[in-house]
């Protein structure tokens, strides 16, 4: 996994429809879309996920559902992202199948060590910097944390938390394979243009490593 990864936040989209933000982000170069919904009904979540998956299909961009394996299965999503308190990886893999993308958040060094035993598709290093969109975490990793994980982990690293145009170059240099953003895209006025700039920074930095 490498490139730009969008994690959605309905509240940050303002008056812009979520699907509109997603499609403009993908046109700007987003390679993965994670649908994260904490406050809507399961029925609405499934319906929305089906619509988003249909939008992404022509672009070959996988849809990843946050937390909810039931929603991922119901809409035929390509993957699911789980945290340390969600359904255990082994059960998720059994339900989703061998080809599914399964990401796992790591918030402590113990989490990183434990993830070595799991065939996850990537680990989400969370958060890199403190951010209002991830307020329930156990501290931030920083650039040194990414570098330490990179030398140890066998998994691709997806960095998330407080990332934007001003700092993603350093995060990729430190060892991140993929940059996940929330507010940098969801709250942007020019979604496609911002996504394109982020994507260009990530790709040029990866190529120069």
N, C-alpha and C. Protein backbone atom coordinates (compact mmCIF):
# COMPACT_ATOMS: atom_id res chain seq x y z
N UNK A 1 0.84 -1.20 0.00
CA UNK A 1 0.00 0.00 0.00
C UNK A 1 0.87 1.24 0.00
N UNK A 2 0.52 2.16 -0.86
CA UNK A 2 1.22 3.44 -0.84
C UNK A 2 0.30 4.50 -1.45
N UNK A 3 0.60 5.76 -1.14
CA UNK A 3 -0.19 6.84 -1.71
C UNK A 3 -1.04 7.57 -0.69
N UNK A 4 -2.15 8.11 -1.17
CA UNK A 4 -3.03 8.95 -0.37
C UNK A 4 -4.30 8.20 0.00
N UNK A 5 -4.67 8.28 1.26
CA UNK A 5 -5.77 7.48 1.83
C UNK A 5 -6.73 8.46 2.51
N UNK A 6 -7.96 8.50 2.05
CA UNK A 6 -8.96 9.39 2.63
C UNK A 6 -9.81 8.67 3.67
N UNK A 7 -9.91 9.26 4.85
CA UNK A 7 -10.84 8.80 5.88
C UNK A 7 -11.93 9.86 5.98
N UNK A 8 -13.16 9.46 5.76
CA UNK A 8 -14.24 10.45 5.69
C UNK A 8 -14.72 10.91 7.07
N UNK A 9 -15.21 12.14 7.09
CA UNK A 9 -15.83 12.70 8.28
C UNK A 9 -16.96 13.61 7.82
N UNK A 10 -18.17 13.14 7.98
CA UNK A 10 -19.35 13.86 7.51
C UNK A 10 -19.42 15.28 8.06
N UNK A 11 -19.11 15.44 9.35
CA UNK A 11 -19.19 16.74 10.00
C UNK A 11 -18.25 17.76 9.39
N UNK A 12 -17.07 17.32 8.97
CA UNK A 12 -16.07 18.22 8.40
C UNK A 12 -16.37 18.62 6.96
N UNK A 13 -17.27 17.89 6.32
CA UNK A 13 -17.62 18.19 4.93
C UNK A 13 -18.49 19.44 4.80
N UNK A 14 -19.04 19.89 5.93
CA UNK A 14 -19.88 21.08 5.91
C UNK A 14 -21.13 20.87 5.07
N UNK A 15 -21.37 21.79 4.13
CA UNK A 15 -22.57 21.68 3.29
C UNK A 15 -22.36 20.80 2.06
N UNK A 16 -21.12 20.36 1.86
CA UNK A 16 -20.83 19.52 0.70
C UNK A 16 -21.30 18.09 0.96
N UNK A 17 -22.02 17.49 0.02
CA UNK A 17 -22.42 16.08 0.19
C UNK A 17 -21.18 15.19 0.28
N UNK A 18 -21.24 14.20 1.15
CA UNK A 18 -20.10 13.31 1.36
C UNK A 18 -19.64 12.65 0.06
N UNK A 19 -20.60 12.19 -0.74
CA UNK A 19 -20.23 11.52 -1.99
C UNK A 19 -19.49 12.45 -2.95
N UNK A 20 -19.87 13.72 -2.92
CA UNK A 20 -19.20 14.71 -3.78
C UNK A 20 -17.74 14.88 -3.35
N UNK A 21 -17.52 14.96 -2.05
CA UNK A 21 -16.16 15.08 -1.52
C UNK A 21 -15.33 13.86 -1.93
N UNK A 22 -15.91 12.68 -1.79
CA UNK A 22 -15.21 11.43 -2.12
C UNK A 22 -14.80 11.41 -3.59
N UNK A 23 -15.72 11.72 -4.47
CA UNK A 23 -15.42 11.61 -5.90
C UNK A 23 -14.38 12.63 -6.34
N UNK A 24 -14.46 13.85 -5.79
CA UNK A 24 -13.44 14.87 -6.12
C UNK A 24 -12.08 14.47 -5.57
N UNK A 25 -12.07 13.87 -4.39
CA UNK A 25 -10.81 13.41 -3.79
C UNK A 25 -10.17 12.32 -4.65
N UNK A 26 -10.98 11.41 -5.13
CA UNK A 26 -10.48 10.31 -5.97
C UNK A 26 -9.94 10.87 -7.30
N UNK A 27 -10.64 11.84 -7.86
CA UNK A 27 -10.16 12.46 -9.10
C UNK A 27 -8.83 13.16 -8.87
N UNK A 28 -8.60 13.59 -7.61
CA UNK A 28 -7.33 14.23 -7.26
C UNK A 28 -6.22 13.26 -6.93
N UNK A 29 -6.53 11.97 -6.91
CA UNK A 29 -5.48 10.97 -6.72
C UNK A 29 -5.57 10.10 -5.48
N UNK A 30 -6.65 10.21 -4.70
CA UNK A 30 -6.80 9.34 -3.53
C UNK A 30 -6.85 7.88 -3.97
N UNK A 31 -6.06 7.04 -3.32
CA UNK A 31 -5.93 5.63 -3.71
C UNK A 31 -6.81 4.69 -2.90
N UNK A 32 -7.22 5.14 -1.68
CA UNK A 32 -8.05 4.32 -0.80
C UNK A 32 -9.05 5.24 -0.11
N UNK A 33 -10.27 4.75 0.06
CA UNK A 33 -11.29 5.53 0.78
C UNK A 33 -11.82 4.69 1.94
N UNK A 34 -11.70 5.25 3.15
CA UNK A 34 -12.27 4.60 4.32
C UNK A 34 -13.51 5.39 4.74
N UNK A 35 -14.63 4.70 4.78
CA UNK A 35 -15.88 5.33 5.20
C UNK A 35 -16.00 5.16 6.70
N UNK A 36 -15.97 6.29 7.41
CA UNK A 36 -16.05 6.25 8.87
C UNK A 36 -17.32 6.98 9.31
N UNK A 37 -18.21 6.24 9.94
CA UNK A 37 -19.47 6.81 10.42
C UNK A 37 -19.71 6.32 11.84
N UNK A 38 -19.85 7.24 12.75
CA UNK A 38 -20.05 6.87 14.16
C UNK A 38 -21.47 7.16 14.64
N UNK A 39 -22.19 8.00 13.91
CA UNK A 39 -23.45 8.49 14.47
C UNK A 39 -24.66 8.34 13.55
N UNK A 40 -24.60 7.42 12.60
CA UNK A 40 -25.77 7.19 11.75
C UNK A 40 -26.26 5.76 11.93
N UNK A 41 -27.47 5.51 11.52
CA UNK A 41 -28.05 4.17 11.68
C UNK A 41 -27.35 3.18 10.76
N UNK A 42 -27.43 1.92 11.12
CA UNK A 42 -26.82 0.87 10.30
C UNK A 42 -27.43 0.86 8.91
N UNK A 43 -28.74 1.04 8.82
CA UNK A 43 -29.41 1.03 7.52
C UNK A 43 -28.84 2.13 6.61
N UNK A 44 -28.72 3.34 7.17
CA UNK A 44 -28.21 4.46 6.38
C UNK A 44 -26.75 4.23 6.00
N UNK A 45 -25.99 3.68 6.93
CA UNK A 45 -24.57 3.40 6.69
C UNK A 45 -24.43 2.42 5.51
N UNK A 46 -25.22 1.37 5.51
CA UNK A 46 -25.16 0.38 4.42
C UNK A 46 -25.55 1.00 3.09
N UNK A 47 -26.61 1.79 3.10
CA UNK A 47 -27.06 2.43 1.85
C UNK A 47 -26.00 3.38 1.32
N UNK A 48 -25.43 4.16 2.22
CA UNK A 48 -24.38 5.10 1.82
C UNK A 48 -23.15 4.35 1.29
N UNK A 49 -22.77 3.30 2.00
CA UNK A 49 -21.60 2.51 1.59
C UNK A 49 -21.79 1.91 0.20
N UNK A 50 -22.98 1.46 -0.09
CA UNK A 50 -23.27 0.91 -1.43
C UNK A 50 -23.12 1.99 -2.50
N UNK A 51 -23.61 3.19 -2.20
CA UNK A 51 -23.50 4.30 -3.16
C UNK A 51 -22.04 4.68 -3.39
N UNK A 52 -21.28 4.77 -2.31
CA UNK A 52 -19.87 5.16 -2.42
C UNK A 52 -19.08 4.09 -3.17
N UNK A 53 -19.38 2.84 -2.89
CA UNK A 53 -18.65 1.76 -3.58
C UNK A 53 -18.90 1.82 -5.09
N UNK A 54 -20.14 2.11 -5.46
CA UNK A 54 -20.49 2.22 -6.88
C UNK A 54 -19.73 3.39 -7.53
N UNK A 55 -19.58 4.48 -6.78
CA UNK A 55 -18.84 5.64 -7.29
C UNK A 55 -17.36 5.31 -7.51
N UNK A 56 -16.81 4.50 -6.61
CA UNK A 56 -15.38 4.19 -6.65
C UNK A 56 -15.02 3.14 -7.70
N UNK A 57 -15.98 2.32 -8.04
CA UNK A 57 -15.72 1.17 -8.92
C UNK A 57 -15.00 1.53 -10.22
N UNK A 58 -15.45 2.56 -10.96
CA UNK A 58 -14.77 2.88 -12.23
C UNK A 58 -13.32 3.31 -12.05
N UNK A 59 -12.97 3.76 -10.85
CA UNK A 59 -11.61 4.24 -10.59
C UNK A 59 -10.72 3.16 -9.98
N UNK A 60 -11.29 1.97 -9.74
CA UNK A 60 -10.56 0.87 -9.09
C UNK A 60 -9.97 1.28 -7.74
N UNK A 61 -10.70 2.12 -7.02
CA UNK A 61 -10.29 2.54 -5.68
C UNK A 61 -11.06 1.70 -4.66
N UNK A 62 -10.36 0.97 -3.80
CA UNK A 62 -11.06 0.11 -2.83
C UNK A 62 -11.77 0.91 -1.74
N UNK A 63 -12.94 0.41 -1.35
CA UNK A 63 -13.68 0.98 -0.23
C UNK A 63 -13.36 0.17 1.02
N UNK A 64 -12.97 0.88 2.06
CA UNK A 64 -12.65 0.26 3.35
C UNK A 64 -13.62 0.84 4.38
N UNK A 65 -14.26 -0.03 5.13
CA UNK A 65 -15.24 0.41 6.13
C UNK A 65 -14.58 0.45 7.51
N UNK A 66 -14.80 1.52 8.23
CA UNK A 66 -14.23 1.65 9.57
C UNK A 66 -15.06 0.86 10.58
N UNK A 67 -14.40 -0.04 11.31
CA UNK A 67 -15.00 -0.78 12.43
C UNK A 67 -16.03 -1.85 12.07
N UNK A 68 -16.95 -1.51 11.18
CA UNK A 68 -18.17 -2.29 11.01
C UNK A 68 -18.05 -3.38 9.95
N UNK A 69 -17.72 -4.58 10.40
CA UNK A 69 -17.60 -5.72 9.50
C UNK A 69 -18.94 -6.04 8.86
N UNK A 70 -20.03 -5.88 9.61
CA UNK A 70 -21.36 -6.16 9.07
C UNK A 70 -21.67 -5.26 7.89
N UNK A 71 -21.32 -3.98 8.01
CA UNK A 71 -21.57 -3.03 6.92
C UNK A 71 -20.68 -3.36 5.72
N UNK A 72 -19.42 -3.71 5.99
CA UNK A 72 -18.49 -4.06 4.91
C UNK A 72 -19.01 -5.26 4.11
N UNK A 73 -19.52 -6.26 4.81
CA UNK A 73 -20.06 -7.45 4.14
C UNK A 73 -21.34 -7.11 3.38
N UNK A 74 -22.17 -6.28 3.97
CA UNK A 74 -23.46 -5.94 3.37
C UNK A 74 -23.31 -5.16 2.07
N UNK A 75 -22.26 -4.33 1.98
CA UNK A 75 -22.11 -3.50 0.78
C UNK A 75 -21.07 -4.05 -0.19
N UNK A 76 -20.41 -5.14 0.20
CA UNK A 76 -19.38 -5.73 -0.67
C UNK A 76 -18.10 -4.94 -0.70
N UNK A 77 -17.77 -4.24 0.39
CA UNK A 77 -16.55 -3.43 0.45
C UNK A 77 -15.31 -4.31 0.33
N UNK A 78 -14.24 -3.72 -0.17
CA UNK A 78 -13.00 -4.47 -0.35
C UNK A 78 -12.25 -4.67 0.95
N UNK A 79 -12.62 -3.91 1.97
CA UNK A 79 -11.86 -4.05 3.20
C UNK A 79 -12.52 -3.43 4.41
N UNK A 80 -11.85 -3.59 5.54
CA UNK A 80 -12.34 -3.04 6.81
C UNK A 80 -11.13 -2.60 7.63
N UNK A 81 -11.31 -1.52 8.38
CA UNK A 81 -10.25 -1.05 9.28
C UNK A 81 -10.72 -1.23 10.71
N UNK A 82 -9.90 -1.87 11.53
CA UNK A 82 -10.29 -2.13 12.91
C UNK A 82 -9.30 -1.50 13.90
N UNK A 83 -9.83 -1.18 15.07
CA UNK A 83 -9.01 -0.66 16.16
C UNK A 83 -8.75 -1.76 17.17
N UNK A 84 -8.02 -1.43 18.21
CA UNK A 84 -7.64 -2.41 19.22
C UNK A 84 -8.84 -2.93 20.02
N UNK A 85 -9.92 -2.17 20.06
CA UNK A 85 -11.09 -2.58 20.84
C UNK A 85 -12.21 -3.15 19.98
N UNK A 86 -11.95 -3.29 18.67
CA UNK A 86 -12.97 -3.82 17.77
C UNK A 86 -12.88 -5.35 17.70
N UNK A 87 -13.63 -5.92 16.79
CA UNK A 87 -13.61 -7.37 16.60
C UNK A 87 -12.19 -7.86 16.35
N UNK A 88 -11.76 -8.96 16.98
CA UNK A 88 -10.39 -9.45 16.79
C UNK A 88 -10.08 -9.76 15.32
N UNK A 89 -8.83 -9.52 14.95
CA UNK A 89 -8.40 -9.70 13.56
C UNK A 89 -8.76 -11.08 13.01
N UNK A 90 -8.50 -12.12 13.79
CA UNK A 90 -8.71 -13.49 13.28
C UNK A 90 -10.16 -13.72 12.86
N UNK A 91 -11.08 -13.16 13.60
CA UNK A 91 -12.51 -13.31 13.27
C UNK A 91 -12.85 -12.46 12.04
N UNK A 92 -12.30 -11.27 12.00
CA UNK A 92 -12.54 -10.38 10.85
C UNK A 92 -12.05 -11.06 9.57
N UNK A 93 -10.85 -11.64 9.62
CA UNK A 93 -10.30 -12.30 8.44
C UNK A 93 -11.18 -13.46 8.00
N UNK A 94 -11.67 -14.21 8.97
CA UNK A 94 -12.54 -15.36 8.67
C UNK A 94 -13.81 -14.90 7.95
N UNK A 95 -14.37 -13.80 8.44
CA UNK A 95 -15.62 -13.28 7.88
C UNK A 95 -15.40 -12.60 6.52
N UNK A 96 -14.32 -11.85 6.40
CA UNK A 96 -14.09 -11.05 5.20
C UNK A 96 -13.42 -11.83 4.06
N UNK A 97 -12.71 -12.91 4.42
CA UNK A 97 -12.05 -13.70 3.38
C UNK A 97 -10.58 -13.33 3.21
N UNK A 98 -9.87 -14.19 2.49
CA UNK A 98 -8.41 -14.05 2.37
C UNK A 98 -7.98 -12.85 1.54
N UNK A 99 -8.83 -12.39 0.62
CA UNK A 99 -8.43 -11.30 -0.28
C UNK A 99 -8.75 -9.91 0.26
N UNK A 100 -9.50 -9.83 1.34
CA UNK A 100 -9.93 -8.53 1.87
C UNK A 100 -8.76 -7.73 2.43
N UNK A 101 -8.86 -6.42 2.28
CA UNK A 101 -7.91 -5.50 2.93
C UNK A 101 -8.34 -5.36 4.39
N UNK A 102 -7.44 -5.66 5.29
CA UNK A 102 -7.75 -5.47 6.72
C UNK A 102 -6.64 -4.64 7.34
N UNK A 103 -7.02 -3.45 7.80
CA UNK A 103 -6.07 -2.56 8.46
C UNK A 103 -6.29 -2.57 9.96
N UNK A 104 -5.22 -2.36 10.72
CA UNK A 104 -5.30 -2.38 12.17
C UNK A 104 -4.61 -1.16 12.75
N UNK A 105 -5.30 -0.41 13.60
CA UNK A 105 -4.69 0.74 14.27
C UNK A 105 -3.74 0.27 15.36
N UNK A 106 -2.58 0.93 15.45
CA UNK A 106 -1.66 0.66 16.55
C UNK A 106 -1.40 1.97 17.29
N UNK A 107 -1.61 1.93 18.60
CA UNK A 107 -1.47 3.15 19.40
C UNK A 107 -0.35 3.05 20.44
N UNK A 108 0.16 1.84 20.64
CA UNK A 108 1.26 1.63 21.58
C UNK A 108 2.29 0.70 20.95
N UNK A 109 3.49 0.67 21.53
CA UNK A 109 4.51 -0.23 21.01
C UNK A 109 4.08 -1.69 21.15
N UNK A 110 3.35 -1.99 22.21
CA UNK A 110 2.83 -3.35 22.41
C UNK A 110 1.91 -3.75 21.26
N UNK A 111 1.12 -2.80 20.78
CA UNK A 111 0.23 -3.05 19.63
C UNK A 111 1.06 -3.40 18.39
N UNK A 112 2.14 -2.66 18.20
CA UNK A 112 3.01 -2.88 17.04
C UNK A 112 3.62 -4.29 17.09
N UNK A 113 4.12 -4.66 18.25
CA UNK A 113 4.73 -5.98 18.43
C UNK A 113 3.71 -7.09 18.18
N UNK A 114 2.52 -6.92 18.75
CA UNK A 114 1.45 -7.92 18.57
C UNK A 114 1.04 -8.05 17.11
N UNK A 115 1.09 -6.95 16.36
CA UNK A 115 0.65 -6.99 14.96
C UNK A 115 1.57 -7.81 14.07
N UNK A 116 2.80 -8.05 14.53
CA UNK A 116 3.75 -8.87 13.75
C UNK A 116 3.23 -10.29 13.54
N UNK A 117 2.42 -10.75 14.47
CA UNK A 117 1.87 -12.11 14.40
C UNK A 117 0.63 -12.19 13.51
N UNK A 118 0.15 -11.05 13.05
CA UNK A 118 -1.10 -11.02 12.28
C UNK A 118 -0.84 -10.70 10.81
N UNK A 119 -1.58 -11.35 9.93
CA UNK A 119 -1.43 -11.07 8.50
C UNK A 119 -2.32 -9.93 8.05
N UNK A 120 -2.21 -8.80 8.75
CA UNK A 120 -2.99 -7.62 8.36
C UNK A 120 -2.41 -7.03 7.08
N UNK A 121 -3.22 -6.26 6.36
CA UNK A 121 -2.77 -5.66 5.10
C UNK A 121 -1.89 -4.45 5.36
N UNK A 122 -2.13 -3.79 6.47
CA UNK A 122 -1.33 -2.64 6.88
C UNK A 122 -1.60 -2.33 8.35
N UNK A 123 -0.70 -1.56 8.96
CA UNK A 123 -1.00 -1.05 10.29
C UNK A 123 -1.16 0.47 10.19
N UNK A 124 -2.17 0.98 10.87
CA UNK A 124 -2.43 2.41 10.90
C UNK A 124 -1.77 3.00 12.14
N UNK A 125 -0.74 3.82 11.93
CA UNK A 125 -0.02 4.43 13.05
C UNK A 125 -0.80 5.66 13.47
N UNK A 126 -1.32 5.63 14.68
CA UNK A 126 -2.34 6.61 15.06
C UNK A 126 -2.16 7.12 16.49
N UNK A 127 -2.18 8.47 16.67
CA UNK A 127 -1.97 9.50 15.64
C UNK A 127 -0.49 9.88 15.56
N UNK A 128 -0.10 10.45 14.42
CA UNK A 128 1.27 10.93 14.27
C UNK A 128 1.44 12.21 15.08
N UNK A 129 0.50 13.13 14.87
CA UNK A 129 0.47 14.36 15.65
C UNK A 129 -0.91 14.48 16.29
N UNK A 130 -1.02 15.22 17.36
CA UNK A 130 -2.33 15.36 18.01
C UNK A 130 -3.31 16.06 17.09
N UNK A 131 -4.55 15.61 17.11
CA UNK A 131 -5.57 16.13 16.20
C UNK A 131 -6.96 15.98 16.83
N UNK A 132 -7.86 16.92 16.60
CA UNK A 132 -9.22 16.82 17.14
C UNK A 132 -10.01 15.64 16.60
N UNK A 133 -9.65 15.13 15.40
CA UNK A 133 -10.41 14.02 14.83
C UNK A 133 -10.06 12.67 15.46
N UNK A 134 -8.98 12.64 16.25
CA UNK A 134 -8.61 11.40 16.96
C UNK A 134 -8.27 11.76 18.41
N UNK A 135 -9.30 12.03 19.18
CA UNK A 135 -9.10 12.54 20.55
C UNK A 135 -9.03 11.45 21.60
N UNK A 136 -9.33 10.20 21.24
CA UNK A 136 -9.41 9.13 22.24
C UNK A 136 -8.19 8.21 22.20
N UNK A 137 -7.04 8.75 21.80
CA UNK A 137 -5.84 7.93 21.66
C UNK A 137 -4.90 8.09 22.86
N UNK A 138 -3.80 7.33 22.83
CA UNK A 138 -2.92 7.26 24.00
C UNK A 138 -1.63 8.07 23.82
N UNK A 139 -1.70 9.18 23.11
CA UNK A 139 -0.50 9.97 22.84
C UNK A 139 -0.14 9.89 21.37
N UNK A 140 0.80 10.72 20.92
CA UNK A 140 1.15 10.75 19.50
C UNK A 140 2.52 10.12 19.25
N UNK A 141 2.70 9.56 18.04
CA UNK A 141 3.91 8.85 17.69
C UNK A 141 5.06 9.78 17.29
N UNK A 142 4.71 10.83 16.54
CA UNK A 142 5.75 11.72 16.03
C UNK A 142 6.60 11.04 14.96
N UNK A 143 7.55 11.79 14.40
CA UNK A 143 8.40 11.27 13.33
C UNK A 143 9.32 10.15 13.83
N UNK A 144 9.81 10.27 15.04
CA UNK A 144 10.69 9.23 15.60
C UNK A 144 9.94 7.91 15.77
N UNK A 145 8.68 8.01 16.13
CA UNK A 145 7.85 6.81 16.29
C UNK A 145 7.68 6.06 14.99
N UNK A 146 7.44 6.81 13.91
CA UNK A 146 7.30 6.17 12.58
C UNK A 146 8.60 5.46 12.22
N UNK A 147 9.71 6.16 12.40
CA UNK A 147 11.01 5.59 12.04
C UNK A 147 11.29 4.30 12.81
N UNK A 148 10.95 4.31 14.08
CA UNK A 148 11.17 3.12 14.93
C UNK A 148 10.31 1.95 14.44
N UNK A 149 9.04 2.23 14.13
CA UNK A 149 8.14 1.18 13.66
C UNK A 149 8.61 0.64 12.31
N UNK A 150 9.07 1.55 11.44
CA UNK A 150 9.52 1.15 10.09
C UNK A 150 10.65 0.13 10.16
N UNK A 151 11.58 0.33 11.09
CA UNK A 151 12.71 -0.59 11.18
C UNK A 151 12.31 -1.95 11.77
N UNK A 152 11.17 -1.99 12.44
CA UNK A 152 10.75 -3.20 13.13
C UNK A 152 9.66 -3.98 12.39
N UNK A 153 8.66 -3.29 11.86
CA UNK A 153 7.45 -3.95 11.36
C UNK A 153 7.61 -4.53 9.96
N UNK A 154 6.92 -5.63 9.74
CA UNK A 154 6.91 -6.25 8.42
C UNK A 154 5.74 -5.75 7.57
N UNK A 155 4.91 -4.88 8.14
CA UNK A 155 3.70 -4.42 7.46
C UNK A 155 3.86 -3.04 6.83
N UNK A 156 3.10 -2.76 5.76
CA UNK A 156 3.04 -1.38 5.26
C UNK A 156 2.50 -0.46 6.35
N UNK A 157 3.01 0.77 6.37
CA UNK A 157 2.61 1.72 7.40
C UNK A 157 1.72 2.81 6.82
N UNK A 158 0.53 2.95 7.38
CA UNK A 158 -0.37 4.04 7.03
C UNK A 158 -0.37 5.02 8.19
N UNK A 159 0.10 6.24 7.94
CA UNK A 159 0.17 7.25 8.98
C UNK A 159 -1.09 8.10 8.98
N UNK A 160 -1.60 8.44 10.16
CA UNK A 160 -2.79 9.28 10.27
C UNK A 160 -2.68 10.14 11.53
N UNK A 161 -3.29 11.30 11.46
CA UNK A 161 -3.36 12.15 12.65
C UNK A 161 -2.62 13.47 12.48
N UNK A 162 -3.37 14.54 12.18
CA UNK A 162 -2.78 15.86 12.08
C UNK A 162 -1.93 16.07 10.83
N UNK A 163 -2.21 15.31 9.77
CA UNK A 163 -1.38 15.37 8.57
C UNK A 163 -1.99 16.30 7.52
N UNK A 164 -1.12 17.08 6.89
CA UNK A 164 -1.55 18.03 5.85
C UNK A 164 -0.36 18.37 4.95
N UNK A 165 -0.57 19.33 4.06
CA UNK A 165 0.49 19.68 3.10
C UNK A 165 1.78 20.12 3.76
N UNK A 166 1.70 20.67 4.95
CA UNK A 166 2.88 21.24 5.61
C UNK A 166 3.81 20.19 6.22
N UNK A 167 3.30 18.98 6.46
CA UNK A 167 4.13 18.01 7.19
C UNK A 167 4.23 16.61 6.59
N UNK A 168 3.48 16.33 5.52
CA UNK A 168 3.46 14.94 5.04
C UNK A 168 4.78 14.50 4.40
N UNK A 169 5.54 15.45 3.84
CA UNK A 169 6.83 15.09 3.25
C UNK A 169 7.73 14.45 4.30
N UNK A 170 7.80 15.07 5.47
CA UNK A 170 8.64 14.55 6.56
C UNK A 170 8.14 13.21 7.07
N UNK A 171 6.83 13.03 7.06
CA UNK A 171 6.24 11.78 7.54
C UNK A 171 6.58 10.62 6.59
N UNK A 172 6.52 10.89 5.28
CA UNK A 172 6.91 9.87 4.30
C UNK A 172 8.41 9.57 4.42
N UNK A 173 9.21 10.61 4.58
CA UNK A 173 10.66 10.42 4.74
C UNK A 173 10.98 9.57 5.97
N UNK A 174 10.17 9.73 7.02
CA UNK A 174 10.39 8.98 8.27
C UNK A 174 10.05 7.50 8.12
N UNK A 175 9.24 7.15 7.08
CA UNK A 175 8.95 5.73 6.86
C UNK A 175 7.52 5.37 6.51
N UNK A 176 6.62 6.34 6.46
CA UNK A 176 5.23 6.03 6.12
C UNK A 176 5.12 5.65 4.64
N UNK A 177 4.38 4.58 4.36
CA UNK A 177 4.14 4.16 2.97
C UNK A 177 2.91 4.86 2.39
N UNK A 178 2.02 5.21 3.28
CA UNK A 178 0.72 5.73 2.87
C UNK A 178 0.32 6.83 3.87
N UNK A 179 -0.27 7.90 3.36
CA UNK A 179 -0.69 9.01 4.21
C UNK A 179 -2.21 9.08 4.24
N UNK A 180 -2.77 8.96 5.45
CA UNK A 180 -4.23 9.06 5.60
C UNK A 180 -4.59 10.43 6.15
N UNK A 181 -5.56 11.07 5.52
CA UNK A 181 -5.99 12.40 5.97
C UNK A 181 -7.51 12.42 6.17
N UNK A 182 -7.93 13.29 7.06
CA UNK A 182 -9.36 13.49 7.32
C UNK A 182 -9.70 14.94 6.97
N UNK A 183 -9.39 15.84 7.89
CA UNK A 183 -9.78 17.25 7.70
C UNK A 183 -9.07 17.91 6.52
N UNK A 184 -7.83 17.50 6.21
CA UNK A 184 -7.09 18.12 5.11
C UNK A 184 -7.86 18.05 3.80
N UNK A 185 -8.67 17.00 3.63
CA UNK A 185 -9.50 16.88 2.42
C UNK A 185 -10.96 17.21 2.70
N UNK A 186 -11.52 16.63 3.76
CA UNK A 186 -12.96 16.81 4.02
C UNK A 186 -13.33 18.28 4.25
N UNK A 187 -12.43 19.03 4.88
CA UNK A 187 -12.73 20.44 5.19
C UNK A 187 -12.22 21.40 4.11
N UNK A 188 -11.61 20.87 3.07
CA UNK A 188 -11.03 21.73 2.03
C UNK A 188 -12.11 22.31 1.11
N UNK A 189 -11.88 23.53 0.66
CA UNK A 189 -12.80 24.15 -0.30
C UNK A 189 -12.62 23.56 -1.69
N UNK A 190 -11.37 23.36 -2.08
CA UNK A 190 -11.06 22.81 -3.40
C UNK A 190 -10.57 21.37 -3.23
N UNK A 191 -11.51 20.48 -3.05
CA UNK A 191 -11.17 19.09 -2.69
C UNK A 191 -10.19 18.44 -3.67
N UNK A 192 -10.52 18.51 -4.95
CA UNK A 192 -9.69 17.83 -5.95
C UNK A 192 -8.29 18.42 -6.01
N UNK A 193 -8.19 19.74 -5.96
CA UNK A 193 -6.88 20.40 -6.04
C UNK A 193 -6.02 20.06 -4.83
N UNK A 194 -6.62 20.05 -3.65
CA UNK A 194 -5.87 19.72 -2.43
C UNK A 194 -5.40 18.27 -2.48
N UNK A 195 -6.29 17.36 -2.89
CA UNK A 195 -5.93 15.95 -3.00
C UNK A 195 -4.77 15.77 -3.98
N UNK A 196 -4.82 16.50 -5.09
CA UNK A 196 -3.75 16.39 -6.09
C UNK A 196 -2.41 16.85 -5.53
N UNK A 197 -2.43 17.96 -4.79
CA UNK A 197 -1.19 18.47 -4.20
C UNK A 197 -0.62 17.48 -3.17
N UNK A 198 -1.49 16.95 -2.32
CA UNK A 198 -1.06 15.96 -1.32
C UNK A 198 -0.46 14.74 -2.00
N UNK A 199 -1.16 14.27 -3.02
CA UNK A 199 -0.72 13.07 -3.74
C UNK A 199 0.63 13.30 -4.41
N UNK A 200 0.82 14.48 -4.99
CA UNK A 200 2.10 14.80 -5.65
C UNK A 200 3.25 14.81 -4.64
N UNK A 201 3.00 15.38 -3.45
CA UNK A 201 4.04 15.42 -2.42
C UNK A 201 4.42 14.00 -1.99
N UNK A 202 3.40 13.17 -1.75
CA UNK A 202 3.63 11.78 -1.32
C UNK A 202 4.43 11.02 -2.36
N UNK A 203 3.97 11.07 -3.61
CA UNK A 203 4.61 10.28 -4.66
C UNK A 203 6.04 10.74 -4.96
N UNK A 204 6.25 12.05 -5.01
CA UNK A 204 7.60 12.55 -5.29
C UNK A 204 8.56 12.20 -4.15
N UNK A 205 8.04 12.22 -2.91
CA UNK A 205 8.89 11.88 -1.76
C UNK A 205 9.21 10.38 -1.75
N UNK A 206 8.23 9.55 -2.06
CA UNK A 206 8.46 8.11 -2.13
C UNK A 206 9.48 7.77 -3.22
N UNK A 207 9.36 8.46 -4.35
CA UNK A 207 10.28 8.19 -5.48
C UNK A 207 11.72 8.59 -5.16
N UNK A 208 11.87 9.62 -4.33
CA UNK A 208 13.22 10.12 -4.02
C UNK A 208 13.90 9.38 -2.88
N UNK A 209 13.15 8.46 -2.21
CA UNK A 209 13.72 7.73 -1.07
C UNK A 209 14.71 6.67 -1.53
